[in-house]
C-alpha atoms as a PDB file:
ATOM      1  CA  MET A   1      27.747   8.797   3.894  1.00  0.00           C
ATOM      2  CA  THR A   2      25.605  11.705   4.920  1.00  0.00           C
ATOM      3  CA  LYS A   3      25.964  13.093   8.742  1.00  0.00           C
ATOM      4  CA  ILE A   4      22.479  13.995  10.362  1.00  0.00           C
ATOM      5  CA  ALA A   5      22.461  16.122  13.176  1.00  0.00           C
ATOM      6  CA  VAL A   6      19.352  15.586  15.207  1.00  0.00           C
ATOM      7  CA  LEU A   7      18.903  18.580  18.157  1.00  0.00           C
ATOM      8  CA  GLY A   8      16.573  17.502  20.854  1.00  0.00           C
ATOM      9  CA  GLY A   9      16.573  13.785  23.086  1.00  0.00           C
ATOM     10  CA  GLY A  10      12.913  14.148  23.870  1.00  0.00           C
ATOM     11  CA  SER A  11      10.402  11.512  22.550  1.00  0.00           C
ATOM     12  CA  TRP A  12      10.181  12.945  19.009  1.00  0.00           C
ATOM     13  CA  GLY A  13      13.819  13.909  18.577  1.00  0.00           C
ATOM     14  CA  THR A  14      14.908  10.438  20.127  1.00  0.00           C
ATOM     15  CA  GLY A  15      12.258   8.571  17.730  1.00  0.00           C
ATOM     16  CA  LEU A  16      13.526  10.452  14.622  1.00  0.00           C
ATOM     17  CA  ALA A  17      16.966   9.534  15.313  1.00  0.00           C
ATOM     18  CA  VAL A  18      15.754   5.708  15.356  1.00  0.00           C
ATOM     19  CA  VAL A  19      13.638   5.985  12.323  1.00  0.00           C
ATOM     20  CA  LEU A  20      16.481   7.565  10.481  1.00  0.00           C
ATOM     21  CA  SER A  21      18.801   5.074  11.098  1.00  0.00           C
ATOM     22  CA  ARG A  22      16.550   2.760   9.178  1.00  0.00           C
ATOM     23  CA  SER A  23      16.474   4.295   6.118  1.00  0.00           C
ATOM     24  CA  ARG A  24      17.515   3.289   2.764  1.00  0.00           C
ATOM     25  CA  HIS A  25      20.615   5.299   2.741  1.00  0.00           C
ATOM     26  CA  ALA A  26      23.825   4.805   5.632  1.00  0.00           C
ATOM     27  CA  HIS A  27      23.843   7.962   7.717  1.00  0.00           C
ATOM     28  CA  GLU A  28      26.008   8.798  10.498  1.00  0.00           C
ATOM     29  CA  ILE A  29      23.635  10.043  12.802  1.00  0.00           C
ATOM     30  CA  SER A  30      24.329  11.863  15.978  1.00  0.00           C
ATOM     31  CA  LEU A  31      21.981  12.994  18.795  1.00  0.00           C
ATOM     32  CA  TRP A  32      22.538  16.292  20.698  1.00  0.00           C
ATOM     33  CA  VAL A  33      20.780  15.571  24.716  1.00  0.00           C
ATOM     34  CA  ARG A  34      20.575  18.437  26.998  1.00  0.00           C
ATOM     35  CA  GLU A  35      20.714  16.297  30.075  1.00  0.00           C
ATOM     36  CA  ALA A  36      24.464  14.241  30.557  1.00  0.00           C
ATOM     37  CA  ALA A  37      22.660  11.929  32.676  1.00  0.00           C
ATOM     38  CA  ILE A  38      20.117  10.983  29.553  1.00  0.00           C
ATOM     39  CA  ALA A  39      22.903  11.015  27.141  1.00  0.00           C
ATOM     40  CA  GLU A  40      25.066   8.504  29.562  1.00  0.00           C
ATOM     41  CA  ALA A  41      22.129   6.161  29.477  1.00  0.00           C
ATOM     42  CA  ILE A  42      21.644   6.023  25.607  1.00  0.00           C
ATOM     43  CA  SER A  43      25.300   4.987  25.333  1.00  0.00           C
ATOM     44  CA  THR A  44      25.337   2.476  27.695  1.00  0.00           C
ATOM     45  CA  SER A  45      21.796   1.251  27.537  1.00  0.00           C
ATOM     46  CA  ARG A  46      20.840   2.164  23.849  1.00  0.00           C
ATOM     47  CA  GLU A  47      17.694   3.262  25.535  1.00  0.00           C
ATOM     48  CA  ASN A  48      15.900   6.442  26.140  1.00  0.00           C
ATOM     49  CA  LYS A  49      14.063   5.491  29.603  1.00  0.00           C
ATOM     50  CA  THR A  50      12.994   9.105  30.192  1.00  0.00           C
ATOM     51  CA  TYR A  51      11.134  10.030  26.961  1.00  0.00           C
ATOM     52  CA  LEU A  52      11.356   7.090  24.584  1.00  0.00           C
ATOM     53  CA  PRO A  53      11.083   3.763  27.012  1.00  0.00           C
ATOM     54  CA  GLY A  54      11.083   0.067  25.658  1.00  0.00           C
ATOM     55  CA  ILE A  55      12.934   1.506  22.307  1.00  0.00           C
ATOM     56  CA  GLU A  56      16.410   0.323  21.643  1.00  0.00           C
ATOM     57  CA  ILE A  57      18.136   2.817  19.629  1.00  0.00           C
ATOM     58  CA  PRO A  58      20.957   1.617  17.252  1.00  0.00           C
ATOM     59  CA  ALA A  59      24.600   1.806  17.730  1.00  0.00           C
ATOM     60  CA  ARG A  60      24.646   4.273  14.485  1.00  0.00           C
ATOM     61  CA  VAL A  61      22.878   6.913  16.751  1.00  0.00           C
ATOM     62  CA  ILE A  62      25.944   8.812  19.064  1.00  0.00           C
ATOM     63  CA  PRO A  63      24.516  10.980  21.580  1.00  0.00           C
ATOM     64  CA  SER A  64      26.223  13.618  23.026  1.00  0.00           C
ATOM     65  CA  THR A  65      25.475  16.855  25.143  1.00  0.00           C
ATOM     66  CA  GLU A  66      28.243  18.892  23.148  1.00  0.00           C
ATOM     67  CA  LEU A  67      26.850  20.812  20.232  1.00  0.00           C
ATOM     68  CA  ARG A  68      30.243  21.356  18.376  1.00  0.00           C
ATOM     69  CA  ALA A  69      30.681  17.264  18.589  1.00  0.00           C
ATOM     70  CA  VAL A  70      26.846  16.909  17.166  1.00  0.00           C
ATOM     71  CA  LEU A  71      27.144  19.252  14.297  1.00  0.00           C
ATOM     72  CA  ASP A  72      30.651  19.021  12.965  1.00  0.00           C
ATOM     73  CA  HIS A  73      30.613  18.288   9.508  1.00  0.00           C
ATOM     74  CA  ALA A  74      26.709  17.405   9.398  1.00  0.00           C
ATOM     75  CA  GLN A  75      25.197  18.076   6.242  1.00  0.00           C
ATOM     76  CA  ILE A  76      21.607  17.975   7.478  1.00  0.00           C
ATOM     77  CA  VAL A  77      20.393  19.361  10.978  1.00  0.00           C
ATOM     78  CA  ILE A  78      17.259  18.842  12.262  1.00  0.00           C
ATOM     79  CA  GLY A  79      15.631  20.773  15.259  1.00  0.00           C
ATOM     80  CA  VAL A  80      13.437  18.591  17.915  1.00  0.00           C
ATOM     81  CA  VAL A  81      13.536  21.256  20.927  1.00  0.00           C
ATOM     82  CA  PRO A  82      10.679  22.809  22.229  1.00  0.00           C
ATOM     83  CA  SER A  83       9.411  25.583  20.230  1.00  0.00           C
ATOM     84  CA  ALA A  84       9.948  27.873  23.476  1.00  0.00           C
ATOM     85  CA  HIS A  85      14.016  26.960  23.603  1.00  0.00           C
ATOM     86  CA  THR A  86      14.422  27.079  19.558  1.00  0.00           C
ATOM     87  CA  ARG A  87      15.925  30.325  19.458  1.00  0.00           C
ATOM     88  CA  GLU A  88      18.134  29.739  22.401  1.00  0.00           C
ATOM     89  CA  VAL A  89      19.415  26.417  21.067  1.00  0.00           C
ATOM     90  CA  PHE A  90      20.089  27.224  17.528  1.00  0.00           C
ATOM     91  CA  THR A  91      21.597  30.607  18.714  1.00  0.00           C
ATOM     92  CA  ARG A  92      24.397  28.584  20.707  1.00  0.00           C
ATOM     93  CA  ALA A  93      24.380  25.886  17.965  1.00  0.00           C
ATOM     94  CA  LEU A  94      24.730  28.923  15.264  1.00  0.00           C
ATOM     95  CA  PRO A  95      28.742  28.850  15.045  1.00  0.00           C
ATOM     96  CA  TYR A  96      28.995  25.217  14.656  1.00  0.00           C
ATOM     97  CA  ILE A  97      26.257  24.797  11.697  1.00  0.00           C
ATOM     98  CA  SER A  98      27.864  24.766   8.015  1.00  0.00           C
ATOM     99  CA  PRO A  99      26.471  27.133   5.942  1.00  0.00           C
ATOM    100  CA  ASP A 100      26.091  24.434   3.192  1.00  0.00           C
ATOM    101  CA  ALA A 101      23.828  22.363   5.904  1.00  0.00           C
ATOM    102  CA  ILE A 102      20.101  22.176   5.394  1.00  0.00           C
ATOM    103  CA  ILE A 103      18.251  22.865   8.370  1.00  0.00           C
ATOM    104  CA  VAL A 104      14.977  20.950   9.136  1.00  0.00           C
ATOM    105  CA  SER A 105      12.337  21.786  11.809  1.00  0.00           C
ATOM    106  CA  ALA A 106      10.310  18.998  13.102  1.00  0.00           C
ATOM    107  CA  THR A 107       8.685  21.272  15.707  1.00  0.00           C
ATOM    108  CA  LYS A 108       5.188  21.703  16.245  1.00  0.00           C
ATOM    109  CA  GLY A 109       4.530  25.050  17.645  1.00  0.00           C
ATOM    110  CA  LEU A 110       4.964  29.124  17.775  1.00  0.00           C
ATOM    111  CA  GLU A 111       7.371  31.200  19.738  1.00  0.00           C
ATOM    112  CA  PRO A 112       5.241  32.166  22.528  1.00  0.00           C
ATOM    113  CA  ALA A 113       6.867  35.676  22.524  1.00  0.00           C
ATOM    114  CA  THR A 114       6.514  36.439  19.030  1.00  0.00           C
ATOM    115  CA  HIS A 115       4.133  33.914  17.405  1.00  0.00           C
ATOM    116  CA  LEU A 116       6.568  33.445  15.031  1.00  0.00           C
ATOM    117  CA  ARG A 117       6.628  29.833  13.234  1.00  0.00           C
ATOM    118  CA  MET A 118       9.753  27.836  13.868  1.00  0.00           C
ATOM    119  CA  SER A 119      11.017  28.164   9.990  1.00  0.00           C
ATOM    120  CA  GLN A 120      11.068  31.872  10.922  1.00  0.00           C
ATOM    121  CA  VAL A 121      12.785  31.857  13.938  1.00  0.00           C
ATOM    122  CA  LEU A 122      15.436  29.787  12.611  1.00  0.00           C
ATOM    123  CA  GLU A 123      15.848  32.191   9.341  1.00  0.00           C
ATOM    124  CA  GLN A 124      16.008  35.114  12.011  1.00  0.00           C
ATOM    125  CA  VAL A 125      18.778  32.802  13.892  1.00  0.00           C
ATOM    126  CA  CYS A 126      20.802  32.060  11.171  1.00  0.00           C
ATOM    127  CA  SER A 127      20.896  35.191   9.004  1.00  0.00           C
ATOM    128  CA  GLU A 128      23.689  36.216  11.723  1.00  0.00           C
ATOM    129  CA  ARG A 129      25.903  34.221   9.478  1.00  0.00           C
ATOM    130  CA  PHE A 130      24.364  32.539   6.676  1.00  0.00           C
ATOM    131  CA  VAL A 131      21.358  32.371   4.196  1.00  0.00           C
ATOM    132  CA  PRO A 132      19.519  29.328   5.454  1.00  0.00           C
ATOM    133  CA  GLU A 133      18.475  26.261   3.279  1.00  0.00           C
ATOM    134  CA  LEU A 134      15.127  25.351   5.664  1.00  0.00           C
ATOM    135  CA  ALA A 135      12.577  22.627   5.429  1.00  0.00           C
ATOM    136  CA  VAL A 136       9.829  21.570   7.530  1.00  0.00           C
ATOM    137  CA  LEU A 137       9.093  18.102   8.996  1.00  0.00           C
ATOM    138  CA  SER A 138       5.482  17.433  10.132  1.00  0.00           C
ATOM    139  CA  GLY A 139       2.107  15.299   9.916  1.00  0.00           C
ATOM    140  CA  PRO A 140       0.612  12.079  11.929  1.00  0.00           C
ATOM    141  CA  SER A 141       3.587  10.799  14.007  1.00  0.00           C
ATOM    142  CA  PHE A 142       3.475   9.656  17.274  1.00  0.00           C
ATOM    143  CA  ALA A 143       7.334   8.780  18.558  1.00  0.00           C
ATOM    144  CA  LEU A 144       6.862   5.653  19.862  1.00  0.00           C
ATOM    145  CA  GLU A 145       4.899   4.278  16.947  1.00  0.00           C
ATOM    146  CA  ALA A 146       7.505   5.561  14.270  1.00  0.00           C
ATOM    147  CA  ALA A 147      10.367   4.185  16.733  1.00  0.00           C
ATOM    148  CA  ARG A 148       8.564   0.699  16.870  1.00  0.00           C
ATOM    149  CA  GLY A 149       8.779   0.246  12.905  1.00  0.00           C
ATOM    150  CA  GLU A 150       5.166   0.889  12.686  1.00  0.00           C
ATOM    151  CA  PRO A 151       4.099   2.290   9.015  1.00  0.00           C
ATOM    152  CA  THR A 152       4.221   6.217   9.355  1.00  0.00           C
ATOM    153  CA  VAL A 153       3.646   8.736   6.650  1.00  0.00           C
ATOM    154  CA  VAL A 154       4.614  12.603   7.029  1.00  0.00           C
ATOM    155  CA  VAL A 155       5.511  15.504   5.019  1.00  0.00           C
ATOM    156  CA  ILE A 156       8.799  17.277   4.107  1.00  0.00           C
ATOM    157  CA  ALA A 157       8.309  21.039   3.214  1.00  0.00           C
ATOM    158  CA  SER A 158      10.593  23.564   1.225  1.00  0.00           C
ATOM    159  CA  GLN A 159      10.550  26.087  -0.987  1.00  0.00           C
ATOM    160  CA  ALA A 160      14.105  26.301  -1.446  1.00  0.00           C
ATOM    161  CA  ALA A 161      16.077  25.017  -4.875  1.00  0.00           C
ATOM    162  CA  ALA A 162      19.005  23.182  -4.600  1.00  0.00           C
ATOM    163  CA  HIS A 163      22.119  24.568  -4.596  1.00  0.00           C
ATOM    164  CA  LEU A 164      25.613  23.326  -5.182  1.00  0.00           C
ATOM    165  CA  SER A 165      27.385  21.648  -1.762  1.00  0.00           C
ATOM    166  CA  GLY A 166      30.640  20.572  -2.167  1.00  0.00           C
ATOM    167  CA  GLY A 167      30.685  21.190  -6.462  1.00  0.00           C
ATOM    168  CA  ILE A 168      27.741  18.802  -6.092  1.00  0.00           C
ATOM    169  CA  TYR A 169      24.275  19.111  -6.939  1.00  0.00           C
ATOM    170  CA  ARG A 170      22.210  17.136  -4.346  1.00  0.00           C
ATOM    171  CA  LYS A 171      19.686  14.770  -5.638  1.00  0.00           C
ATOM    172  CA  GLY A 172      16.622  16.049  -6.692  1.00  0.00           C
ATOM    173  CA  SER A 173      15.330  19.500  -7.633  1.00  0.00           C
ATOM    174  CA  ARG A 174      14.440  20.854  -4.761  1.00  0.00           C
ATOM    175  CA  THR A 175      15.213  20.234  -0.975  1.00  0.00           C
ATOM    176  CA  ALA A 176      12.466  18.677   0.030  1.00  0.00           C
ATOM    177  CA  GLU A 177      12.490  15.852  -2.724  1.00  0.00           C
ATOM    178  CA  TYR A 178      16.181  15.564  -1.358  1.00  0.00           C
ATOM    179  CA  LEU A 179      15.318  14.890   2.107  1.00  0.00           C
ATOM    180  CA  GLN A 180      12.465  12.653   1.171  1.00  0.00           C
ATOM    181  CA  GLU A 181      15.279  10.328  -0.695  1.00  0.00           C
ATOM    182  CA  GLN A 182      17.445  10.704   2.208  1.00  0.00           C
ATOM    183  CA  PHE A 183      14.834  10.153   5.156  1.00  0.00           C
ATOM    184  CA  ALA A 184      12.868   7.393   3.440  1.00  0.00           C
ATOM    185  CA  GLY A 185      12.574   3.840   4.807  1.00  0.00           C
ATOM    186  CA  PRO A 186      10.921   0.727   4.712  1.00  0.00           C
ATOM    187  CA  THR A 187       8.295   2.178   7.654  1.00  0.00           C
ATOM    188  CA  PHE A 188       8.992   5.453   7.187  1.00  0.00           C
ATOM    189  CA  ARG A 189       6.828   7.582   4.014  1.00  0.00           C
ATOM    190  CA  LEU A 190       7.483  11.010   3.031  1.00  0.00           C
ATOM    191  CA  TYR A 191       5.694  13.153   0.848  1.00  0.00           C
ATOM    192  CA  THR A 192       6.635  16.679  -0.441  1.00  0.00           C
ATOM    193  CA  ASN A 193       4.942  19.844  -0.370  1.00  0.00           C
ATOM    194  CA  ASN A 194       6.020  23.747  -1.015  1.00  0.00           C
ATOM    195  CA  ASP A 195       3.844  25.210   1.715  1.00  0.00           C
ATOM    196  CA  VAL A 196       5.701  25.561   4.683  1.00  0.00           C
ATOM    197  CA  LEU A 197       3.498  28.218   6.017  1.00  0.00           C
ATOM    198  CA  GLY A 198       0.625  25.717   5.877  1.00  0.00           C
ATOM    199  CA  VAL A 199       2.668  23.011   6.972  1.00  0.00           C
ATOM    200  CA  GLU A 200       3.769  24.760  10.026  1.00  0.00           C
ATOM    201  CA  LEU A 201       0.624  26.280  10.966  1.00  0.00           C
ATOM    202  CA  SER A 202      -1.456  22.885  10.718  1.00  0.00           C
ATOM    203  CA  GLY A 203       1.203  21.588  13.084  1.00  0.00           C
ATOM    204  CA  ALA A 204       0.936  24.027  15.891  1.00  0.00           C
ATOM    205  CA  MET A 205      -2.862  24.451  15.827  1.00  0.00           C
ATOM    206  CA  LYS A 206      -3.987  20.985  15.990  1.00  0.00           C
ATOM    207  CA  ASN A 207      -2.319  21.019  19.114  1.00  0.00           C
ATOM    208  CA  VAL A 208      -4.462  23.066  20.485  1.00  0.00           C
ATOM    209  CA  MET A 209      -7.664  21.822  18.798  1.00  0.00           C
ATOM    210  CA  ALA A 210      -6.192  18.252  20.902  1.00  0.00           C
ATOM    211  CA  ILE A 211      -6.043  19.921  24.133  1.00  0.00           C
ATOM    212  CA  ALA A 212     -10.355  20.502  23.356  1.00  0.00           C
ATOM    213  CA  ALA A 213     -10.434  17.082  22.178  1.00  0.00           C
ATOM    214  CA  GLY A 214      -9.458  15.773  25.673  1.00  0.00           C
ATOM    215  CA  ALA A 215     -11.179  17.945  27.720  1.00  0.00           C
ATOM    216  CA  CYS A 216     -14.662  16.875  25.743  1.00  0.00           C
ATOM    217  CA  GLN A 217     -13.304  13.465  26.633  1.00  0.00           C
ATOM    218  CA  GLY A 218     -12.401  14.138  30.294  1.00  0.00           C
ATOM    219  CA  LEU A 219     -16.243  15.441  30.691  1.00  0.00           C
ATOM    220  CA  GLY A 220     -17.239  12.142  29.692  1.00  0.00           C
ATOM    221  CA  LEU A 221     -18.481  13.436  26.085  1.00  0.00           C
ATOM    222  CA  GLY A 222     -19.071  11.206  23.788  1.00  0.00           C
ATOM    223  CA  ALA A 223     -18.386  10.442  19.887  1.00  0.00           C
ATOM    224  CA  ASN A 224     -20.941  13.377  18.344  1.00  0.00           C
ATOM    225  CA  SER A 225     -18.985  15.960  20.351  1.00  0.00           C
ATOM    226  CA  LEU A 226     -15.412  14.817  19.248  1.00  0.00           C
ATOM    227  CA  ALA A 227     -16.596  14.473  15.603  1.00  0.00           C
ATOM    228  CA  ALA A 228     -18.007  17.983  15.856  1.00  0.00           C
ATOM    229  CA  LEU A 229     -15.007  19.296  17.772  1.00  0.00           C
ATOM    230  CA  ILE A 230     -12.420  17.825  14.899  1.00  0.00           C
ATOM    231  CA  THR A 231     -14.563  19.158  12.232  1.00  0.00           C
ATOM    232  CA  ARG A 232     -15.192  22.533  13.748  1.00  0.00           C
ATOM    233  CA  GLY A 233     -11.287  22.760  14.320  1.00  0.00           C
ATOM    234  CA  LEU A 234     -10.536  21.830  10.955  1.00  0.00           C
ATOM    235  CA  ALA A 235     -12.166  24.987  10.194  1.00  0.00           C
ATOM    236  CA  GLU A 236     -10.749  26.916  12.340  1.00  0.00           C
ATOM    237  CA  MET A 237      -7.044  25.944  11.061  1.00  0.00           C
ATOM    238  CA  THR A 238      -8.257  26.399   7.427  1.00  0.00           C
ATOM    239  CA  ARG A 239      -9.588  29.939   7.804  1.00  0.00           C
ATOM    240  CA  LEU A 240      -6.451  31.175   9.552  1.00  0.00           C
ATOM    241  CA  GLY A 241      -4.182  29.305   7.071  1.00  0.00           C
ATOM    242  CA  VAL A 242      -5.797  30.487   3.947  1.00  0.00           C
ATOM    243  CA  LYS A 243      -6.363  34.230   5.125  1.00  0.00           C
ATOM    244  CA  ILE A 244      -2.350  34.313   5.746  1.00  0.00           C
ATOM    245  CA  GLY A 245      -1.204  32.490   2.747  1.00  0.00           C
ATOM    246  CA  ALA A 246      -1.183  28.580   3.461  1.00  0.00           C
ATOM    247  CA  GLN A 247      -3.116  26.763   0.550  1.00  0.00           C
ATOM    248  CA  GLN A 248      -6.035  24.828   1.597  1.00  0.00           C
ATOM    249  CA  GLU A 249      -5.181  21.193   0.226  1.00  0.00           C
ATOM    250  CA  THR A 250      -2.269  21.203   3.141  1.00  0.00           C
ATOM    251  CA  LEU A 251      -4.972  21.698   5.554  1.00  0.00           C
ATOM    252  CA  SER A 252      -6.735  19.011   4.375  1.00  0.00           C
ATOM    253  CA  GLY A 253      -3.840  16.748   3.812  1.00  0.00           C
ATOM    254  CA  LEU A 254      -1.429  14.858   6.265  1.00  0.00           C
ATOM    255  CA  ALA A 255       0.048  17.969   7.663  1.00  0.00           C
ATOM    256  CA  GLY A 256      -3.574  19.096   8.722  1.00  0.00           C
ATOM    257  CA  LEU A 257      -6.351  16.977   8.979  1.00  0.00           C
ATOM    258  CA  GLY A 258      -4.325  13.773   9.500  1.00  0.00           C
ATOM    259  CA  ASP A 259      -2.210  15.111  12.451  1.00  0.00           C
ATOM    260  CA  LEU A 260      -5.295  16.835  13.451  1.00  0.00           C
ATOM    261  CA  VAL A 261      -7.163  13.137  14.031  1.00  0.00           C
ATOM    262  CA  LEU A 262      -4.121  11.962  15.451  1.00  0.00           C
ATOM    263  CA  THR A 263      -3.759  14.004  17.923  1.00  0.00           C
ATOM    264  CA  CYS A 264      -7.379  14.553  19.011  1.00  0.00           C
ATOM    265  CA  THR A 265      -8.312  10.714  19.150  1.00  0.00           C
ATOM    266  CA  GLY A 266      -4.995   9.190  19.820  1.00  0.00           C
ATOM    267  CA  ALA A 267      -3.979   7.573  23.562  1.00  0.00           C
ATOM    268  CA  LEU A 268      -0.457   8.793  22.934  1.00  0.00           C
ATOM    269  CA  SER A 269      -1.211  12.559  22.522  1.00  0.00           C
ATOM    270  CA  ARG A 270       0.461  14.523  25.483  1.00  0.00           C
ATOM    271  CA  ASN A 271      -1.817  17.362  24.573  1.00  0.00           C
ATOM    272  CA  ARG A 272      -5.218  15.434  24.365  1.00  0.00           C
ATOM    273  CA  HIS A 273      -4.064  14.233  27.461  1.00  0.00           C
ATOM    274  CA  VAL A 274      -3.895  17.530  29.151  1.00  0.00           C
ATOM    275  CA  GLY A 275      -7.223  18.130  27.983  1.00  0.00           C
ATOM    276  CA  PHE A 276      -8.426  14.857  29.285  1.00  0.00           C
ATOM    277  CA  GLU A 277      -6.954  15.685  32.828  1.00  0.00           C
ATOM    278  CA  LEU A 278      -8.404  19.435  32.829  1.00  0.00           C
ATOM    279  CA  GLY A 279     -11.734  18.054  32.097  1.00  0.00           C
ATOM    280  CA  LYS A 280     -11.202  15.592  35.173  1.00  0.00           C
ATOM    281  CA  GLY A 281     -10.958  18.690  37.218  1.00  0.00           C
ATOM    282  CA  ARG A 282      -7.121  18.458  37.628  1.00  0.00           C
ATOM    283  CA  SER A 283      -5.174  21.853  37.589  1.00  0.00           C
ATOM    284  CA  LEU A 284      -3.348  22.436  34.803  1.00  0.00           C
ATOM    285  CA  SER A 285       0.407  23.202  36.528  1.00  0.00           C
ATOM    286  CA  GLU A 286      -0.142  19.685  38.551  1.00  0.00           C
ATOM    287  CA  ILE A 287      -0.945  18.461  35.064  1.00  0.00           C
ATOM    288  CA  LEU A 288       2.464  19.594  33.408  1.00  0.00           C
ATOM    289  CA  GLN A 289       4.562  18.755  36.886  1.00  0.00           C
ATOM    290  CA  ALA A 290       3.658  15.354  35.891  1.00  0.00           C
ATOM    291  CA  MET A 291       4.858  15.292  32.122  1.00  0.00           C
ATOM    292  CA  PRO A 292       8.081  14.915  31.305  1.00  0.00           C
ATOM    293  CA  SER A 293       7.547  15.463  27.703  1.00  0.00           C
ATOM    294  CA  VAL A 294       6.313  19.217  26.639  1.00  0.00           C
ATOM    295  CA  ALA A 295       2.801  19.657  25.307  1.00  0.00           C
ATOM    296  CA  GLU A 296       3.128  22.502  22.939  1.00  0.00           C
ATOM    297  CA  GLY A 297      -0.198  23.385  22.716  1.00  0.00           C
ATOM    298  CA  VAL A 298      -0.162  24.611  26.064  1.00  0.00           C
ATOM    299  CA  GLY A 299       1.924  27.271  25.139  1.00  0.00           C
ATOM    300  CA  THR A 300       0.580  27.754  21.145  1.00  0.00           C
ATOM    301  CA  ALA A 301      -2.842  28.996  22.257  1.00  0.00           C
ATOM    302  CA  SER A 302      -2.205  32.524  22.858  1.00  0.00           C
ATOM    303  CA  PRO A 303       0.386  33.156  20.191  1.00  0.00           C
ATOM    304  CA  LEU A 304      -2.172  31.669  18.243  1.00  0.00           C
ATOM    305  CA  LEU A 305      -4.810  34.350  19.167  1.00  0.00           C
ATOM    306  CA  ALA A 306      -2.568  37.035  18.855  1.00  0.00           C
ATOM    307  CA  LEU A 307      -1.733  35.949  15.353  1.00  0.00           C
ATOM    308  CA  ALA A 308      -5.536  35.461  14.406  1.00  0.00           C
ATOM    309  CA  GLU A 309      -6.121  38.984  15.874  1.00  0.00           C
ATOM    310  CA  GLU A 310      -3.483  40.825  13.807  1.00  0.00           C
ATOM    311  CA  HIS A 311      -5.748  39.359  11.007  1.00  0.00           C
ATOM    312  CA  GLY A 312      -9.065  39.675  12.112  1.00  0.00           C
ATOM    313  CA  ILE A 313     -10.173  36.136  12.134  1.00  0.00           C
ATOM    314  CA  ASP A 314     -12.222  34.267  14.622  1.00  0.00           C
ATOM    315  CA  LEU A 315     -10.946  31.184  16.131  1.00  0.00           C
ATOM    316  CA  PRO A 316     -13.586  30.334  19.008  1.00  0.00           C
ATOM    317  CA  ILE A 317     -12.405  26.961  19.884  1.00  0.00           C
ATOM    318  CA  THR A 318      -8.507  28.357  20.480  1.00  0.00           C
ATOM    319  CA  GLU A 319     -10.192  31.562  22.446  1.00  0.00           C
ATOM    320  CA  GLN A 320     -12.163  28.766  24.902  1.00  0.00           C
ATOM    321  CA  VAL A 321      -8.908  26.388  25.160  1.00  0.00           C
ATOM    322  CA  ASN A 322      -6.501  29.944  26.170  1.00  0.00           C
ATOM    323  CA  ALA A 323      -9.364  30.758  28.432  1.00  0.00           C
ATOM    324  CA  ILE A 324      -9.150  26.951  30.281  1.00  0.00           C
ATOM    325  CA  LEU A 325      -5.485  27.518  30.262  1.00  0.00           C
ATOM    326  CA  ASN A 326      -4.530  30.780  31.281  1.00  0.00           C
ATOM    327  CA  ASP A 327      -7.841  32.255  32.889  1.00  0.00           C
ATOM    328  CA  TRP A 328      -9.042  29.635  34.994  1.00  0.00           C
ATOM    329  CA  LYS A 329     -12.241  28.993  33.045  1.00  0.00           C
ATOM    330  CA  SER A 330     -13.852  25.556  33.507  1.00  0.00           C
ATOM    331  CA  PRO A 331     -13.784  23.249  30.413  1.00  0.00           C
ATOM    332  CA  GLY A 332     -17.545  22.488  30.979  1.00  0.00           C
ATOM    333  CA  GLU A 333     -18.449  26.520  30.665  1.00  0.00           C
ATOM    334  CA  ALA A 334     -15.829  26.636  27.523  1.00  0.00           C
ATOM    335  CA  ILE A 335     -18.467  24.048  25.906  1.00  0.00           C
ATOM    336  CA  ARG A 336     -21.487  25.723  27.117  1.00  0.00           C
ATOM    337  CA  ASP A 337     -20.173  28.858  25.699  1.00  0.00           C
ATOM    338  CA  ILE A 338     -19.398  27.369  21.995  1.00  0.00           C
ATOM    339  CA  MET A 339     -22.600  25.816  22.021  1.00  0.00           C
ATOM    340  CA  GLU A 340     -24.432  29.016  22.783  1.00  0.00           C
ATOM    341  CA  ARG A 341     -22.542  31.123  20.127  1.00  0.00           C
ATOM    342  CA  ARG A 342     -24.651  32.991  17.750  1.00  0.00           C
ATOM    343  CA  LEU A 343     -26.526  30.686  15.040  1.00  0.00           C
ATOM    344  CA  LYS A 344     -25.147  30.897  11.305  1.00  0.00           C
ATOM    345  CA  PRO A 345     -24.622  29.012   8.004  1.00  0.00           C
ATOM    346  CA  GLU A 346     -21.607  26.318   8.567  1.00  0.00           C
END
């Protein structure tokens, strides 16, 4: 039996633990939760009422606030903590992670201070002890729908070849294929990909676009605006991604276009909610204080602009979202500036 440790007891961390408990393989699943009250509530009521209310958490999922207990003998470690806290949590966890464990990032964002992708952060942290075997999980996946058992399709990406673990080769010729087999279940389908950069960048950028989409809808704009936003948002994602080495096919696949459409249109999108409320005229601080979960796009716009500037790439939508979030620009003024940009070919 494979032990899977999920680090992060928010909506997606809890939802992923529930989904993996239904996989075709019998896994032992441990869930690290930062707040003791939430861990206790999951143990007693089998529900995470703060982040994923209404979903029964199977007894196979064992919550704990102790990293040592969660990570002990774990063969797969999944990071599902906010991007701003990933380095800190994995630094604390590192003494308890087996060098033979596969580490999977399921966080969609960039580290604010360094604008590094999560796999880069994890590689930096783990290299203090060992060379990590890394993978990335992303794609259109609202935690609530996945946990309810609604069909969900995602991408698992890795560039690492399989290696000996305890003298036995893992299934599949590559890490992604092994994880695909281990994670798949009756309502959870995974496609493999070797474009880690493209999958991670897509997951980060689509959140910023969702804030823009929400702002359009909060202003009362209709389908014309939303369709244009999604299309030009994808153009921005592709322009930057291809420039820094991502595969164009990744940007038009599940991790790119698929997740972009979901996050820009779905009522469960936290980033879309932030944009919608901004469009209604509420302040960012007021919106965030009322949200139990993190909206990754809020902290991603600025690092994305820094990354784009390094490579000489123009990101007009991201630039306007950043101005709304950090420079007190009104959504209406931001849209006006986008529409009045110099005319050019598509």
